[in-house]
Amino acid sequence: MSQSSHAAEAREPAAGNQPDPSSEADSLQQAALQQLRNCREQVDVAIRERPATAVMTLFGVGLGVGFLASKLIAPAQRRSTHQMITDHITKAVRDVLPNSLR
């Protein structure tokens, strides 16, 4: 072979040397699954070592999620304490005063 044909082969990879996209995706998937297994094992060990801490943590997370869900679901009823007291006093005064003074 001449030098020009060697240079062309160096620039273009052979058909068998090209990476297969599906095998790369499979290897990435396997790596992600292995990392997920490792994380799960670490969580299992932490729960076994400190079960009370795990229960209290999950209880707190549950309270937080429940609080956020209730704020998203329930309609926003925002009345200030001042407004509620003012309305209560106004109603009490109206009930006490005779109709002629209103």
PDB file of N, CA and C in Angstrom:
ATOM      1  N   MET A   1       0.840  -1.176   0.000  1.00  0.00           N
ATOM      2  CA  MET A   1       0.000   0.000   0.000  1.00  0.00           C
ATOM      3  C   MET A   1       0.880   1.233   0.000  1.00  0.00           C
ATOM      4  N   SER A   2       0.333   2.260  -0.573  1.00  0.00           N
ATOM      5  CA  SER A   2       1.074   3.516  -0.600  1.00  0.00           C
ATOM      6  C   SER A   2       0.767   4.317   0.653  1.00  0.00           C
ATOM      7  N   GLN A   3       1.523   5.400   0.803  1.00  0.00           N
ATOM      8  CA  GLN A   3       1.321   6.237   1.985  1.00  0.00           C
ATOM      9  C   GLN A   3      -0.036   6.918   1.965  1.00  0.00           C
ATOM     10  N   SER A   4      -0.552   7.258   0.798  1.00  0.00           N
ATOM     11  CA  SER A   4      -1.838   7.945   0.715  1.00  0.00           C
ATOM     12  C   SER A   4      -2.972   7.011   1.149  1.00  0.00           C
ATOM     13  N   SER A   5      -2.868   5.704   0.844  1.00  0.00           N
ATOM     14  CA  SER A   5      -3.924   4.782   1.265  1.00  0.00           C
ATOM     15  C   SER A   5      -3.868   4.547   2.770  1.00  0.00           C
ATOM     16  N   HIS A   6      -2.661   4.546   3.367  1.00  0.00           N
ATOM     17  CA  HIS A   6      -2.537   4.421   4.823  1.00  0.00           C
ATOM     18  C   HIS A   6      -3.154   5.632   5.525  1.00  0.00           C
ATOM     19  N   ALA A   7      -2.949   6.815   4.987  1.00  0.00           N
ATOM     20  CA  ALA A   7      -3.493   8.034   5.582  1.00  0.00           C
ATOM     21  C   ALA A   7      -5.016   8.017   5.519  1.00  0.00           C
ATOM     22  N   ALA A   8      -5.594   7.529   4.427  1.00  0.00           N
ATOM     23  CA  ALA A   8      -7.052   7.468   4.293  1.00  0.00           C
ATOM     24  C   ALA A   8      -7.634   6.490   5.305  1.00  0.00           C
ATOM     25  N   GLU A   9      -6.947   5.349   5.529  1.00  0.00           N
ATOM     26  CA  GLU A   9      -7.433   4.376   6.506  1.00  0.00           C
ATOM     27  C   GLU A   9      -7.355   4.945   7.922  1.00  0.00           C
ATOM     28  N   ALA A  10      -6.368   5.774   8.211  1.00  0.00           N
ATOM     29  CA  ALA A  10      -6.212   6.340   9.537  1.00  0.00           C
ATOM     30  C   ALA A  10      -7.317   7.353   9.832  1.00  0.00           C
ATOM     31  N   ARG A  11      -7.777   8.065   8.778  1.00  0.00           N
ATOM     32  CA  ARG A  11      -8.816   9.062   8.975  1.00  0.00           C
ATOM     33  C   ARG A  11     -10.199   8.438   9.115  1.00  0.00           C
ATOM     34  N   GLU A  12     -10.473   7.352   8.426  1.00  0.00           N
ATOM     35  CA  GLU A  12     -11.782   6.722   8.446  1.00  0.00           C
ATOM     36  C   GLU A  12     -11.688   5.408   9.203  1.00  0.00           C
ATOM     37  N   PRO A  13     -12.446   5.239  10.278  1.00  0.00           N
ATOM     38  CA  PRO A  13     -12.398   3.972  10.994  1.00  0.00           C
ATOM     39  C   PRO A  13     -13.038   2.876  10.159  1.00  0.00           C
ATOM     40  N   ALA A  14     -12.572   1.700  10.364  1.00  0.00           N
ATOM     41  CA  ALA A  14     -13.116   0.568   9.630  1.00  0.00           C
ATOM     42  C   ALA A  14     -14.540   0.315  10.101  1.00  0.00           C
ATOM     43  N   ALA A  15     -15.344  -0.330   9.267  1.00  0.00           N
ATOM     44  CA  ALA A  15     -16.755  -0.562   9.575  1.00  0.00           C
ATOM     45  C   ALA A  15     -16.909  -1.356  10.869  1.00  0.00           C
ATOM     46  N   GLY A  16     -16.028  -2.265  11.175  1.00  0.00           N
ATOM     47  CA  GLY A  16     -16.123  -3.070  12.384  1.00  0.00           C
ATOM     48  C   GLY A  16     -15.684  -2.327  13.637  1.00  0.00           C
ATOM     49  N   ASN A  17     -14.975  -1.202  13.502  1.00  0.00           N
ATOM     50  CA  ASN A  17     -14.465  -0.466  14.650  1.00  0.00           C
ATOM     51  C   ASN A  17     -15.399   0.629  15.153  1.00  0.00           C
ATOM     52  N   GLN A  18     -16.483   0.915  14.421  1.00  0.00           N
ATOM     53  CA  GLN A  18     -17.399   1.972  14.842  1.00  0.00           C
ATOM     54  C   GLN A  18     -18.186   1.501  16.056  1.00  0.00           C
ATOM     55  N   PRO A  19     -18.350   2.382  17.042  1.00  0.00           N
ATOM     56  CA  PRO A  19     -19.105   1.985  18.232  1.00  0.00           C
ATOM     57  C   PRO A  19     -20.579   1.796  17.901  1.00  0.00           C
ATOM     58  N   ASP A  20     -21.147   0.769  18.482  1.00  0.00           N
ATOM     59  CA  ASP A  20     -22.560   0.466  18.281  1.00  0.00           C
ATOM     60  C   ASP A  20     -23.380   1.285  19.279  1.00  0.00           C
ATOM     61  N   PRO A  21     -24.277   2.153  18.808  1.00  0.00           N
ATOM     62  CA  PRO A  21     -25.049   2.986  19.736  1.00  0.00           C
ATOM     63  C   PRO A  21     -25.877   2.172  20.719  1.00  0.00           C
ATOM     64  N   SER A  22     -26.398   1.038  20.303  1.00  0.00           N
ATOM     65  CA  SER A  22     -27.216   0.239  21.219  1.00  0.00           C
ATOM     66  C   SER A  22     -26.357  -0.390  22.313  1.00  0.00           C
ATOM     67  N   SER A  23     -25.117  -0.774  21.987  1.00  0.00           N
ATOM     68  CA  SER A  23     -24.263  -1.347  23.029  1.00  0.00           C
ATOM     69  C   SER A  23     -23.812  -0.274  24.016  1.00  0.00           C
ATOM     70  N   GLU A  24     -23.604   0.956  23.525  1.00  0.00           N
ATOM     71  CA  GLU A  24     -23.268   2.053  24.438  1.00  0.00           C
ATOM     72  C   GLU A  24     -24.439   2.346  25.362  1.00  0.00           C
ATOM     73  N   ALA A  25     -25.651   2.341  24.832  1.00  0.00           N
ATOM     74  CA  ALA A  25     -26.836   2.583  25.654  1.00  0.00           C
ATOM     75  C   ALA A  25     -27.004   1.471  26.684  1.00  0.00           C
ATOM     76  N   ASP A  26     -26.753   0.233  26.261  1.00  0.00           N
ATOM     77  CA  ASP A  26     -26.849  -0.894  27.195  1.00  0.00           C
ATOM     78  C   ASP A  26     -25.825  -0.764  28.317  1.00  0.00           C
ATOM     79  N   SER A  27     -24.598  -0.377  27.959  1.00  0.00           N
ATOM     80  CA  SER A  27     -23.570  -0.252  28.995  1.00  0.00           C
ATOM     81  C   SER A  27     -23.890   0.902  29.947  1.00  0.00           C
ATOM     82  N   LEU A  28     -24.446   1.999  29.430  1.00  0.00           N
ATOM     83  CA  LEU A  28     -24.855   3.104  30.297  1.00  0.00           C
ATOM     84  C   LEU A  28     -25.998   2.679  31.215  1.00  0.00           C
ATOM     85  N   GLN A  29     -26.918   1.910  30.654  1.00  0.00           N
ATOM     86  CA  GLN A  29     -28.040   1.425  31.459  1.00  0.00           C
ATOM     87  C   GLN A  29     -27.541   0.497  32.563  1.00  0.00           C
ATOM     88  N   GLN A  30     -26.619  -0.388  32.231  1.00  0.00           N
ATOM     89  CA  GLN A  30     -26.064  -1.301  33.230  1.00  0.00           C
ATOM     90  C   GLN A  30     -25.317  -0.527  34.319  1.00  0.00           C
ATOM     91  N   ALA A  31     -24.582   0.503  33.927  1.00  0.00           N
ATOM     92  CA  ALA A  31     -23.853   1.315  34.906  1.00  0.00           C
ATOM     93  C   ALA A  31     -24.827   2.043  35.832  1.00  0.00           C
ATOM     94  N   ALA A  32     -25.916   2.559  35.263  1.00  0.00           N
ATOM     95  CA  ALA A  32     -26.921   3.252  36.080  1.00  0.00           C
ATOM     96  C   ALA A  32     -27.600   2.280  37.033  1.00  0.00           C
ATOM     97  N   LEU A  33     -27.910   1.086  36.562  1.00  0.00           N
ATOM     98  CA  LEU A  33     -28.531   0.087  37.428  1.00  0.00           C
ATOM     99  C   LEU A  33     -27.594  -0.325  38.567  1.00  0.00           C
ATOM    100  N   GLN A  34     -26.313  -0.467  38.264  1.00  0.00           N
ATOM    101  CA  GLN A  34     -25.343  -0.827  39.298  1.00  0.00           C
ATOM    102  C   GLN A  34     -25.227   0.277  40.345  1.00  0.00           C
ATOM    103  N   GLN A  35     -25.231   1.527  39.885  1.00  0.00           N
ATOM    104  CA  GLN A  35     -25.156   2.644  40.815  1.00  0.00           C
ATOM    105  C   GLN A  35     -26.417   2.698  41.675  1.00  0.00           C
ATOM    106  N   LEU A  36     -27.571   2.412  41.093  1.00  0.00           N
ATOM    107  CA  LEU A  36     -28.824   2.372  41.841  1.00  0.00           C
ATOM    108  C   LEU A  36     -28.789   1.268  42.897  1.00  0.00           C
ATOM    109  N   ARG A  37     -28.257   0.106  42.531  1.00  0.00           N
ATOM    110  CA  ARG A  37     -28.118  -0.985  43.508  1.00  0.00           C
ATOM    111  C   ARG A  37     -27.206  -0.571  44.668  1.00  0.00           C
ATOM    112  N   ASN A  38     -26.102   0.088  44.350  1.00  0.00           N
ATOM    113  CA  ASN A  38     -25.169   0.536  45.395  1.00  0.00           C
ATOM    114  C   ASN A  38     -25.843   1.523  46.339  1.00  0.00           C
ATOM    115  N   CYS A  39     -26.600   2.453  45.798  1.00  0.00           N
ATOM    116  CA  CYS A  39     -27.311   3.429  46.635  1.00  0.00           C
ATOM    117  C   CYS A  39     -28.327   2.729  47.523  1.00  0.00           C
ATOM    118  N   ARG A  40     -29.044   1.766  46.959  1.00  0.00           N
ATOM    119  CA  ARG A  40     -30.044   1.036  47.730  1.00  0.00           C
ATOM    120  C   ARG A  40     -29.390   0.277  48.888  1.00  0.00           C
ATOM    121  N   GLU A  41     -28.245  -0.322  48.613  1.00  0.00           N
ATOM    122  CA  GLU A  41     -27.528  -1.042  49.669  1.00  0.00           C
ATOM    123  C   GLU A  41     -27.089  -0.090  50.778  1.00  0.00           C
ATOM    124  N   GLN A  42     -26.629   1.101  50.409  1.00  0.00           N
ATOM    125  CA  GLN A  42     -26.219   2.081  51.411  1.00  0.00           C
ATOM    126  C   GLN A  42     -27.405   2.520  52.268  1.00  0.00           C
ATOM    127  N   VAL A  43     -28.561   2.687  51.647  1.00  0.00           N
ATOM    128  CA  VAL A  43     -29.761   3.063  52.394  1.00  0.00           C
ATOM    129  C   VAL A  43     -30.159   1.934  53.329  1.00  0.00           C
ATOM    130  N   ASP A  44     -30.107   0.703  52.839  1.00  0.00           N
ATOM    131  CA  ASP A  44     -30.442  -0.448  53.690  1.00  0.00           C
ATOM    132  C   ASP A  44     -29.529  -0.511  54.921  1.00  0.00           C
ATOM    133  N   VAL A  45     -28.252  -0.287  54.712  1.00  0.00           N
ATOM    134  CA  VAL A  45     -27.298  -0.319  55.828  1.00  0.00           C
ATOM    135  C   VAL A  45     -27.604   0.807  56.819  1.00  0.00           C
ATOM    136  N   ALA A  46     -27.881   1.993  56.309  1.00  0.00           N
ATOM    137  CA  ALA A  46     -28.182   3.134  57.187  1.00  0.00           C
ATOM    138  C   ALA A  46     -29.443   2.882  58.004  1.00  0.00           C
ATOM    139  N   ILE A  47     -30.451   2.266  57.388  1.00  0.00           N
ATOM    140  CA  ILE A  47     -31.694   1.974  58.108  1.00  0.00           C
ATOM    141  C   ILE A  47     -31.448   0.916  59.183  1.00  0.00           C
ATOM    142  N   ARG A  48     -30.660  -0.096  58.851  1.00  0.00           N
ATOM    143  CA  ARG A  48     -30.356  -1.137  59.847  1.00  0.00           C
ATOM    144  C   ARG A  48     -29.559  -0.580  61.022  1.00  0.00           C
ATOM    145  N   GLU A  49     -28.636   0.348  60.743  1.00  0.00           N
ATOM    146  CA  GLU A  49     -27.799   0.906  61.801  1.00  0.00           C
ATOM    147  C   GLU A  49     -28.559   1.896  62.684  1.00  0.00           C
ATOM    148  N   ARG A  50     -29.485   2.637  62.114  1.00  0.00           N
ATOM    149  CA  ARG A  50     -30.214   3.668  62.877  1.00  0.00           C
ATOM    150  C   ARG A  50     -31.703   3.640  62.518  1.00  0.00           C
ATOM    151  N   PRO A  51     -32.435   2.641  62.984  1.00  0.00           N
ATOM    152  CA  PRO A  51     -33.844   2.532  62.597  1.00  0.00           C
ATOM    153  C   PRO A  51     -34.716   3.674  63.133  1.00  0.00           C
ATOM    154  N   ALA A  52     -34.456   4.133  64.350  1.00  0.00           N
ATOM    155  CA  ALA A  52     -35.280   5.215  64.904  1.00  0.00           C
ATOM    156  C   ALA A  52     -35.082   6.506  64.108  1.00  0.00           C
ATOM    157  N   THR A  53     -33.851   6.792  63.745  1.00  0.00           N
ATOM    158  CA  THR A  53     -33.569   7.984  62.938  1.00  0.00           C
ATOM    159  C   THR A  53     -34.267   7.890  61.587  1.00  0.00           C
ATOM    160  N   ALA A  54     -34.251   6.697  60.987  1.00  0.00           N
ATOM    161  CA  ALA A  54     -34.903   6.506  59.692  1.00  0.00           C
ATOM    162  C   ALA A  54     -36.411   6.725  59.801  1.00  0.00           C
ATOM    163  N   VAL A  55     -37.015   6.201  60.864  1.00  0.00           N
ATOM    164  CA  VAL A  55     -38.462   6.360  61.044  1.00  0.00           C
ATOM    165  C   VAL A  55     -38.810   7.831  61.247  1.00  0.00           C
ATOM    166  N   MET A  56     -38.063   8.518  62.093  1.00  0.00           N
ATOM    167  CA  MET A  56     -38.352   9.926  62.352  1.00  0.00           C
ATOM    168  C   MET A  56     -38.134  10.787  61.107  1.00  0.00           C
ATOM    169  N   THR A  57     -37.113  10.464  60.331  1.00  0.00           N
ATOM    170  CA  THR A  57     -36.862  11.200  59.099  1.00  0.00           C
ATOM    171  C   THR A  57     -38.011  11.020  58.125  1.00  0.00           C
ATOM    172  N   LEU A  58     -38.441   9.782  57.943  1.00  0.00           N
ATOM    173  CA  LEU A  58     -39.552   9.537  57.026  1.00  0.00           C
ATOM    174  C   LEU A  58     -40.848  10.151  57.538  1.00  0.00           C
ATOM    175  N   PHE A  59     -41.039  10.174  58.856  1.00  0.00           N
ATOM    176  CA  PHE A  59     -42.216  10.823  59.429  1.00  0.00           C
ATOM    177  C   PHE A  59     -42.199  12.314  59.095  1.00  0.00           C
ATOM    178  N   GLY A  60     -41.047  12.944  59.265  1.00  0.00           N
ATOM    179  CA  GLY A  60     -40.921  14.366  58.941  1.00  0.00           C
ATOM    180  C   GLY A  60     -41.138  14.646  57.468  1.00  0.00           C
ATOM    181  N   VAL A  61     -40.589  13.788  56.621  1.00  0.00           N
ATOM    182  CA  VAL A  61     -40.793  13.954  55.179  1.00  0.00           C
ATOM    183  C   VAL A  61     -42.276  13.807  54.844  1.00  0.00           C
ATOM    184  N   GLY A  62     -42.941  12.835  55.474  1.00  0.00           N
ATOM    185  CA  GLY A  62     -44.371  12.647  55.242  1.00  0.00           C
ATOM    186  C   GLY A  62     -45.191  13.853  55.667  1.00  0.00           C
ATOM    187  N   LEU A  63     -44.829  14.435  56.813  1.00  0.00           N
ATOM    188  CA  LEU A  63     -45.522  15.648  57.255  1.00  0.00           C
ATOM    189  C   LEU A  63     -45.322  16.787  56.256  1.00  0.00           C
ATOM    190  N   GLY A  64     -44.106  16.931  55.790  1.00  0.00           N
ATOM    191  CA  GLY A  64     -43.818  17.997  54.820  1.00  0.00           C
ATOM    192  C   GLY A  64     -44.564  17.810  53.518  1.00  0.00           C
ATOM    193  N   VAL A  65     -44.573  16.596  53.015  1.00  0.00           N
ATOM    194  CA  VAL A  65     -45.291  16.316  51.765  1.00  0.00           C
ATOM    195  C   VAL A  65     -46.786  16.532  51.956  1.00  0.00           C
ATOM    196  N   GLY A  66     -47.310  16.081  53.095  1.00  0.00           N
ATOM    197  CA  GLY A  66     -48.730  16.281  53.375  1.00  0.00           C
ATOM    198  C   GLY A  66     -49.089  17.755  53.484  1.00  0.00           C
ATOM    199  N   PHE A  67     -48.235  18.528  54.130  1.00  0.00           N
ATOM    200  CA  PHE A  67     -48.471  19.966  54.251  1.00  0.00           C
ATOM    201  C   PHE A  67     -48.484  20.628  52.879  1.00  0.00           C
ATOM    202  N   LEU A  68     -47.492  20.308  52.054  1.00  0.00           N
ATOM    203  CA  LEU A  68     -47.446  20.892  50.711  1.00  0.00           C
ATOM    204  C   LEU A  68     -48.645  20.472  49.872  1.00  0.00           C
ATOM    205  N   ALA A  69     -49.029  19.205  49.971  1.00  0.00           N
ATOM    206  CA  ALA A  69     -50.189  18.732  49.208  1.00  0.00           C
ATOM    207  C   ALA A  69     -51.455  19.449  49.656  1.00  0.00           C
ATOM    208  N   SER A  70     -51.615  19.659  50.957  1.00  0.00           N
ATOM    209  CA  SER A  70     -52.815  20.345  51.441  1.00  0.00           C
ATOM    210  C   SER A  70     -52.853  21.794  50.968  1.00  0.00           C
ATOM    211  N   LYS A  71     -51.688  22.430  50.888  1.00  0.00           N
ATOM    212  CA  LYS A  71     -51.644  23.816  50.404  1.00  0.00           C
ATOM    213  C   LYS A  71     -51.950  23.886  48.911  1.00  0.00           C
ATOM    214  N   LEU A  72     -51.572  22.873  48.167  1.00  0.00           N
ATOM    215  CA  LEU A  72     -51.855  22.864  46.739  1.00  0.00           C
ATOM    216  C   LEU A  72     -53.314  22.529  46.445  1.00  0.00           C
ATOM    217  N   ILE A  73     -53.912  21.673  47.268  1.00  0.00           N
ATOM    218  CA  ILE A  73     -55.277  21.213  47.024  1.00  0.00           C
ATOM    219  C   ILE A  73     -56.311  22.189  47.582  1.00  0.00           C
ATOM    220  N   ALA A  74     -56.126  22.630  48.824  1.00  0.00           N
ATOM    221  CA  ALA A  74     -57.093  23.491  49.495  1.00  0.00           C
ATOM    222  C   ALA A  74     -57.056  24.893  48.897  1.00  0.00           C
ATOM    223  N   PRO A  75     -58.217  25.528  48.798  1.00  0.00           N
ATOM    224  CA  PRO A  75     -58.217  26.905  48.298  1.00  0.00           C
ATOM    225  C   PRO A  75     -57.560  27.842  49.301  1.00  0.00           C
ATOM    226  N   ALA A  76     -56.952  28.844  48.791  1.00  0.00           N
ATOM    227  CA  ALA A  76     -56.247  29.790  49.663  1.00  0.00           C
ATOM    228  C   ALA A  76     -57.267  30.698  50.339  1.00  0.00           C
ATOM    229  N   GLN A  77     -57.388  30.588  51.635  1.00  0.00           N
ATOM    230  CA  GLN A  77     -58.279  31.440  52.407  1.00  0.00           C
ATOM    231  C   GLN A  77     -57.408  32.301  53.299  1.00  0.00           C
ATOM    232  N   ARG A  78     -57.073  33.453  52.805  1.00  0.00           N
ATOM    233  CA  ARG A  78     -56.158  34.316  53.543  1.00  0.00           C
ATOM    234  C   ARG A  78     -56.936  35.500  54.121  1.00  0.00           C
ATOM    235  N   ARG A  79     -57.170  35.429  55.399  1.00  0.00           N
ATOM    236  CA  ARG A  79     -57.722  36.562  56.128  1.00  0.00           C
ATOM    237  C   ARG A  79     -56.774  36.824  57.272  1.00  0.00           C
ATOM    238  N   SER A  80     -56.401  38.047  57.391  1.00  0.00           N
ATOM    239  CA  SER A  80     -55.463  38.386  58.461  1.00  0.00           C
ATOM    240  C   SER A  80     -56.159  38.290  59.812  1.00  0.00           C
ATOM    241  N   THR A  81     -55.374  38.111  60.824  1.00  0.00           N
ATOM    242  CA  THR A  81     -55.903  38.066  62.181  1.00  0.00           C
ATOM    243  C   THR A  81     -56.598  39.385  62.509  1.00  0.00           C
ATOM    244  N   HIS A  82     -56.021  40.472  62.062  1.00  0.00           N
ATOM    245  CA  HIS A  82     -56.622  41.788  62.290  1.00  0.00           C
ATOM    246  C   HIS A  82     -58.009  41.866  61.667  1.00  0.00           C
ATOM    247  N   GLN A  83     -58.152  41.399  60.453  1.00  0.00           N
ATOM    248  CA  GLN A  83     -59.447  41.438  59.772  1.00  0.00           C
ATOM    249  C   GLN A  83     -60.466  40.553  60.479  1.00  0.00           C
ATOM    250  N   MET A  84     -60.053  39.397  60.950  1.00  0.00           N
ATOM    251  CA  MET A  84     -60.980  38.504  61.653  1.00  0.00           C
ATOM    252  C   MET A  84     -61.449  39.139  62.964  1.00  0.00           C
ATOM    253  N   ILE A  85     -60.546  39.779  63.706  1.00  0.00           N
ATOM    254  CA  ILE A  85     -60.913  40.429  64.967  1.00  0.00           C
ATOM    255  C   ILE A  85     -61.843  41.606  64.695  1.00  0.00           C
ATOM    256  N   THR A  86     -61.531  42.396  63.677  1.00  0.00           N
ATOM    257  CA  THR A  86     -62.377  43.536  63.325  1.00  0.00           C
ATOM    258  C   THR A  86     -63.782  43.081  62.963  1.00  0.00           C
ATOM    259  N   ASP A  87     -63.902  42.031  62.175  1.00  0.00           N
ATOM    260  CA  ASP A  87     -65.220  41.518  61.796  1.00  0.00           C
ATOM    261  C   ASP A  87     -65.980  41.017  63.015  1.00  0.00           C
ATOM    262  N   HIS A  88     -65.302  40.350  63.921  1.00  0.00           N
ATOM    263  CA  HIS A  88     -65.941  39.819  65.121  1.00  0.00           C
ATOM    264  C   HIS A  88     -66.458  40.951  66.015  1.00  0.00           C
ATOM    265  N   ILE A  89     -65.651  41.985  66.211  1.00  0.00           N
ATOM    266  CA  ILE A  89     -66.051  43.123  67.049  1.00  0.00           C
ATOM    267  C   ILE A  89     -67.216  43.867  66.400  1.00  0.00           C
ATOM    268  N   THR A  90     -67.141  44.082  65.105  1.00  0.00           N
ATOM    269  CA  THR A  90     -68.216  44.780  64.393  1.00  0.00           C
ATOM    270  C   THR A  90     -69.531  44.032  64.536  1.00  0.00           C
ATOM    271  N   LYS A  91     -69.498  42.733  64.394  1.00  0.00           N
ATOM    272  CA  LYS A  91     -70.713  41.937  64.538  1.00  0.00           C
ATOM    273  C   LYS A  91     -71.244  42.007  65.961  1.00  0.00           C
ATOM    274  N   ALA A  92     -70.360  41.949  66.951  1.00  0.00           N
ATOM    275  CA  ALA A  92     -70.782  42.021  68.345  1.00  0.00           C
ATOM    276  C   ALA A  92     -71.425  43.363  68.659  1.00  0.00           C
ATOM    277  N   VAL A  93     -70.840  44.452  68.151  1.00  0.00           N
ATOM    278  CA  VAL A  93     -71.393  45.788  68.388  1.00  0.00           C
ATOM    279  C   VAL A  93     -72.755  45.922  67.720  1.00  0.00           C
ATOM    280  N   ARG A  94     -72.903  45.432  66.500  1.00  0.00           N
ATOM    281  CA  ARG A  94     -74.199  45.494  65.801  1.00  0.00           C
ATOM    282  C   ARG A  94     -75.278  44.717  66.548  1.00  0.00           C
ATOM    283  N   ASP A  95     -74.887  43.608  67.140  1.00  0.00           N
ATOM    284  CA  ASP A  95     -75.881  42.804  67.882  1.00  0.00           C
ATOM    285  C   ASP A  95     -76.331  43.517  69.154  1.00  0.00           C
ATOM    286  N   VAL A  96     -75.462  44.309  69.756  1.00  0.00           N
ATOM    287  CA  VAL A  96     -75.770  44.964  71.026  1.00  0.00           C
ATOM    288  C   VAL A  96     -76.547  46.275  70.793  1.00  0.00           C
ATOM    289  N   LEU A  97     -76.158  47.042  69.793  1.00  0.00           N
ATOM    290  CA  LEU A  97     -76.807  48.343  69.547  1.00  0.00           C
ATOM    291  C   LEU A  97     -78.238  48.160  69.064  1.00  0.00           C
ATOM    292  N   PRO A  98     -79.100  49.028  69.493  1.00  0.00           N
ATOM    293  CA  PRO A  98     -80.454  48.974  68.978  1.00  0.00           C
ATOM    294  C   PRO A  98     -80.491  49.430  67.506  1.00  0.00           C
ATOM    295  N   ASN A  99     -81.517  49.013  66.817  1.00  0.00           N
ATOM    296  CA  ASN A  99     -81.640  49.330  65.389  1.00  0.00           C
ATOM    297  C   ASN A  99     -81.687  50.844  65.149  1.00  0.00           C
ATOM    298  N   SER A 100     -82.203  51.628  66.093  1.00  0.00           N
ATOM    299  CA  SER A 100     -82.309  53.078  65.899  1.00  0.00           C
ATOM    300  C   SER A 100     -80.945  53.751  65.825  1.00  0.00           C
ATOM    301  N   LEU A 101     -79.919  53.197  66.446  1.00  0.00           N
ATOM    302  CA  LEU A 101     -78.592  53.786  66.423  1.00  0.00           C
ATOM    303  C   LEU A 101     -77.752  53.345  65.218  1.00  0.00           C
ATOM    304  N   ARG A 102     -78.215  52.426  64.495  1.00  0.00           N
ATOM    305  CA  ARG A 102     -77.427  51.938  63.354  1.00  0.00           C
ATOM    306  C   ARG A 102     -77.513  52.838  62.174  1.00  0.00           C
TER     307      ARG A 102
END
